[in-house]
Amino acid sequence: MFNETQLSLLLRGQPIEESLPFQSDDDVSTRHFYQPLLKRIERAHAMDSRVEWGHYGSGYASYVDAWLYPRDDSSRVSGHLQHHKHHYTGLIVLLSRLSRFFVIGQGEKSWSDSGAGGGYLPCFEMVDHITHPALLVHVEPVSELLIGAGLARLRKHQLAEYLPSGLVPPTFLADPPYRHFDALFHWED
C-alpha cells in the first residue's frame, strides 16, 4: 500500500499528503477540517458521536477516533440501563491526521451519566468488520460523505501487508508483526 518513504514519514508522525489539513502537525487545522464533516454525518443520518480529538489525553495518536451511533437506540446493548450506564455498538471511523485516508469498523462504548466510561481501542481486525444491522445501513452513506470531502477509504486487504523489517511503529495498539495499518493508525502514550 505505502512505499518505504511514506512508511518512514508515518512512523515519525509526518504527513504524507500536502493537501487538506495535512501540511503540518496541527491539531487545530485537523479538527477544523474533520469536525464539520462529522456534524454533517450526525445531521444527515440521525447519529450522535463521541470523538477523541485529544490523543486519548496523552501521548500521540496519528488519527482522530470518531465513533458514531444511531440516536434511536437501535444499537443500544441491552442489560446496561439499571446503573444509568449507556452502552452502544457504533461505527468506528478512524480519520488519519497524516493523510487523506480513513477506515471504518464497529466497536462498543459505554459511559455513565457523568461521562466516565470505556470501550474499544482501534486495531487491524476491526477494519471493515461491521455486523450490526443498525450500523450496516450507515456505512456507505458515511463513506460517500467523507469521500466527497476529498478523503479515501482504505479496506482491510489494502492495509494487511506487513511492514518491512526494521520499521517499528511507536504503538501500544498492536504487537509484532506490524502491518501497514499500524503505520497509519498508531498511538503511543
Protein backbone atom coordinates (compact mmCIF):
# COMPACT_ATOMS: atom_id res chain seq x y z
CA MET A 1 0.00 0.00 0.00
CA PHE A 2 2.62 2.53 1.11
CA ASN A 3 6.22 2.79 -0.08
CA GLU A 4 9.13 2.82 2.40
CA THR A 5 9.46 6.61 2.31
CA GLN A 6 5.78 7.05 3.16
CA LEU A 7 6.01 4.43 5.89
CA SER A 8 9.04 6.15 7.43
CA LEU A 9 7.21 9.50 7.41
CA LEU A 10 4.12 7.99 9.02
CA LEU A 11 6.19 6.33 11.75
CA ARG A 12 7.81 9.70 12.54
CA GLY A 13 4.39 11.37 12.70
CA GLN A 14 4.98 13.30 9.48
CA PRO A 15 2.24 13.84 6.89
CA ILE A 16 2.34 12.01 3.57
CA GLU A 17 -0.15 14.42 1.97
CA GLU A 18 0.29 18.04 1.01
CA SER A 19 -3.39 18.82 0.75
CA LEU A 20 -6.33 19.28 3.07
CA PRO A 21 -5.17 19.93 6.66
CA PHE A 22 -2.19 17.61 6.37
CA GLN A 23 0.58 20.14 5.69
CA SER A 24 1.75 20.16 9.30
CA ASP A 25 1.21 18.51 12.65
CA ASP A 26 -1.55 20.98 13.50
CA ASP A 27 -4.37 19.57 15.64
CA VAL A 28 -6.41 22.78 15.27
CA SER A 29 -6.46 22.57 11.46
CA THR A 30 -7.22 18.87 11.61
CA ARG A 31 -10.17 19.48 13.91
CA HIS A 32 -11.43 22.38 11.78
CA PHE A 33 -11.42 20.07 8.76
CA TYR A 34 -12.98 16.96 10.33
CA GLN A 35 -15.46 18.44 12.79
CA PRO A 36 -17.88 19.90 10.20
CA LEU A 37 -17.82 16.59 8.30
CA LEU A 38 -18.76 14.67 11.42
CA LYS A 39 -21.53 17.18 12.21
CA ARG A 40 -22.91 16.68 8.68
CA ILE A 41 -22.94 12.92 9.24
CA GLU A 42 -24.78 13.38 12.55
CA ARG A 43 -27.44 15.63 10.98
CA ALA A 44 -27.90 13.64 7.79
CA HIS A 45 -28.10 10.23 9.45
CA ALA A 46 -29.64 10.94 12.86
CA MET A 47 -26.49 9.85 14.67
CA ASP A 48 -24.60 11.06 17.72
CA SER A 49 -20.86 10.88 18.13
CA ARG A 50 -18.12 10.65 20.67
CA VAL A 51 -14.88 11.85 19.11
CA GLU A 52 -11.41 11.60 20.59
CA TRP A 53 -9.64 14.75 19.41
CA GLY A 54 -7.02 14.88 22.18
CA HIS A 55 -4.84 11.80 21.60
CA TYR A 56 -6.65 9.92 24.41
CA GLY A 57 -5.46 12.54 26.87
CA SER A 58 -1.74 11.92 26.49
CA GLY A 59 0.89 10.81 24.04
CA TYR A 60 0.23 10.96 20.32
CA ALA A 61 -2.43 9.31 18.14
CA SER A 62 -1.86 9.51 14.39
CA TYR A 63 -5.62 9.56 13.86
CA VAL A 64 -8.86 11.07 15.11
CA ASP A 65 -11.06 8.35 16.61
CA ALA A 66 -14.66 9.17 15.64
CA TRP A 67 -17.36 6.86 16.96
CA LEU A 68 -20.94 7.29 15.71
CA TYR A 69 -24.14 5.60 16.83
CA PRO A 70 -27.84 5.95 15.86
CA ARG A 71 -29.89 8.27 18.09
CA ASP A 72 -32.88 5.93 18.03
CA ASP A 73 -31.28 3.41 20.43
CA SER A 74 -31.29 0.74 17.69
CA SER A 75 -27.67 -0.07 18.53
CA ARG A 76 -28.05 0.02 22.32
CA VAL A 77 -26.62 -3.06 24.01
CA SER A 78 -29.27 -4.44 26.35
CA GLY A 79 -28.76 -5.00 30.06
CA HIS A 80 -26.96 -1.74 30.84
CA LEU A 81 -29.83 0.51 31.88
CA GLN A 82 -30.03 -0.36 35.57
CA HIS A 83 -26.96 1.67 36.59
CA HIS A 84 -27.68 4.69 34.36
CA LYS A 85 -24.97 3.48 32.05
CA HIS A 86 -25.16 3.89 28.32
CA HIS A 87 -23.82 1.04 26.24
CA TYR A 88 -23.92 1.12 22.45
CA THR A 89 -22.41 -0.51 19.41
CA GLY A 90 -21.30 2.12 16.92
CA LEU A 91 -19.35 2.83 13.79
CA ILE A 92 -15.65 3.47 14.33
CA VAL A 93 -14.25 5.91 11.79
CA LEU A 94 -10.50 6.40 12.11
CA LEU A 95 -9.50 9.60 10.33
CA SER A 96 -5.78 9.93 9.66
CA ARG A 97 -4.07 13.09 10.89
CA LEU A 98 -1.26 12.49 8.39
CA SER A 99 -3.10 11.64 5.18
CA ARG A 100 -6.48 11.67 3.49
CA PHE A 101 -7.19 8.05 4.43
CA PHE A 102 -9.84 6.64 6.74
CA VAL A 103 -11.14 3.23 7.75
CA ILE A 104 -14.47 2.09 9.14
CA GLY A 105 -15.25 -0.65 11.64
CA GLN A 106 -17.53 -1.44 14.55
CA GLY A 107 -16.96 -1.15 18.28
CA GLU A 108 -18.73 -0.76 21.61
CA LYS A 109 -18.57 2.08 24.10
CA SER A 110 -20.21 2.54 27.47
CA TRP A 111 -20.42 5.53 29.79
CA SER A 112 -22.22 6.75 32.86
CA ASP A 113 -24.30 9.90 33.12
CA SER A 114 -21.21 11.66 34.45
CA GLY A 115 -19.33 10.82 31.26
CA ALA A 116 -16.90 8.24 32.63
CA GLY A 117 -16.68 5.11 30.55
CA GLY A 118 -14.69 2.85 28.32
CA GLY A 119 -14.65 0.95 25.09
CA TYR A 120 -12.54 -0.43 22.29
CA LEU A 121 -9.06 0.52 21.20
CA PRO A 122 -8.60 0.52 17.42
CA CYS A 123 -6.96 -2.49 15.81
CA PHE A 124 -6.43 -4.02 12.39
CA GLU A 125 -9.07 -6.70 12.97
CA MET A 126 -11.87 -4.11 13.30
CA VAL A 127 -11.36 -2.68 9.80
CA ASP A 128 -14.43 -3.42 7.63
CA HIS A 129 -15.89 -5.64 10.35
CA ILE A 130 -19.42 -4.27 10.65
CA THR A 131 -22.18 -6.72 11.52
CA HIS A 132 -24.82 -4.79 13.47
CA PRO A 133 -27.90 -4.25 11.25
CA ALA A 134 -28.50 -0.73 12.62
CA LEU A 135 -24.96 0.23 11.54
CA LEU A 136 -24.73 -1.52 8.17
CA VAL A 137 -27.17 0.96 6.61
CA HIS A 138 -24.86 3.85 7.53
CA VAL A 139 -21.56 2.52 6.19
CA GLU A 140 -21.92 3.55 2.54
CA PRO A 141 -23.57 6.95 3.15
CA VAL A 142 -20.91 7.86 5.74
CA SER A 143 -18.15 6.71 3.35
CA GLU A 144 -19.63 8.68 0.47
CA LEU A 145 -19.80 11.88 2.52
CA LEU A 146 -16.15 11.54 3.56
CA ILE A 147 -15.05 10.63 0.03
CA GLY A 148 -16.95 13.66 -1.28
CA ALA A 149 -14.80 15.81 1.02
CA GLY A 150 -11.59 14.52 -0.60
CA LEU A 151 -10.84 11.57 1.68
CA ALA A 152 -10.23 7.96 0.62
CA ARG A 153 -11.48 4.86 2.39
CA LEU A 154 -8.96 2.06 2.82
CA ARG A 155 -10.08 -1.53 3.10
CA LYS A 156 -8.63 -4.24 5.29
CA HIS A 157 -6.89 -6.06 2.43
CA GLN A 158 -5.09 -2.82 1.48
CA LEU A 159 -3.61 -2.46 4.98
CA ALA A 160 -2.79 -6.14 5.59
CA GLU A 161 0.76 -6.05 4.21
CA TYR A 162 3.45 -6.43 6.84
CA LEU A 163 5.93 -3.63 7.44
CA PRO A 164 9.46 -4.12 6.10
CA SER A 165 11.97 -5.46 8.57
CA GLY A 166 13.32 -2.76 10.86
CA LEU A 167 10.29 -0.48 10.65
CA VAL A 168 8.55 -0.47 14.01
CA PRO A 169 5.58 1.78 14.74
CA PRO A 170 5.53 3.62 18.08
CA THR A 171 2.28 2.00 19.16
CA PHE A 172 0.53 0.38 22.09
CA LEU A 173 -2.30 -0.83 19.86
CA ALA A 174 -0.60 -3.86 18.30
CA ASP A 175 2.09 -6.47 18.71
CA PRO A 176 4.53 -7.65 16.03
CA PRO A 177 4.38 -8.48 13.23
CA TYR A 178 3.20 -4.99 12.32
CA ARG A 179 1.12 -4.13 9.28
CA HIS A 180 0.66 -1.05 7.13
CA PHE A 181 -2.42 -0.38 9.28
CA ASP A 182 -0.11 0.08 12.30
CA ALA A 183 2.00 2.66 10.46
CA LEU A 184 -1.05 4.73 9.51
CA PHE A 185 -3.03 4.29 12.74
CA HIS A 186 -0.76 4.19 15.78
CA TRP A 187 -0.89 5.54 19.31
CA GLU A 188 1.98 6.00 21.72
CA ASP A 189 1.39 7.04 25.31
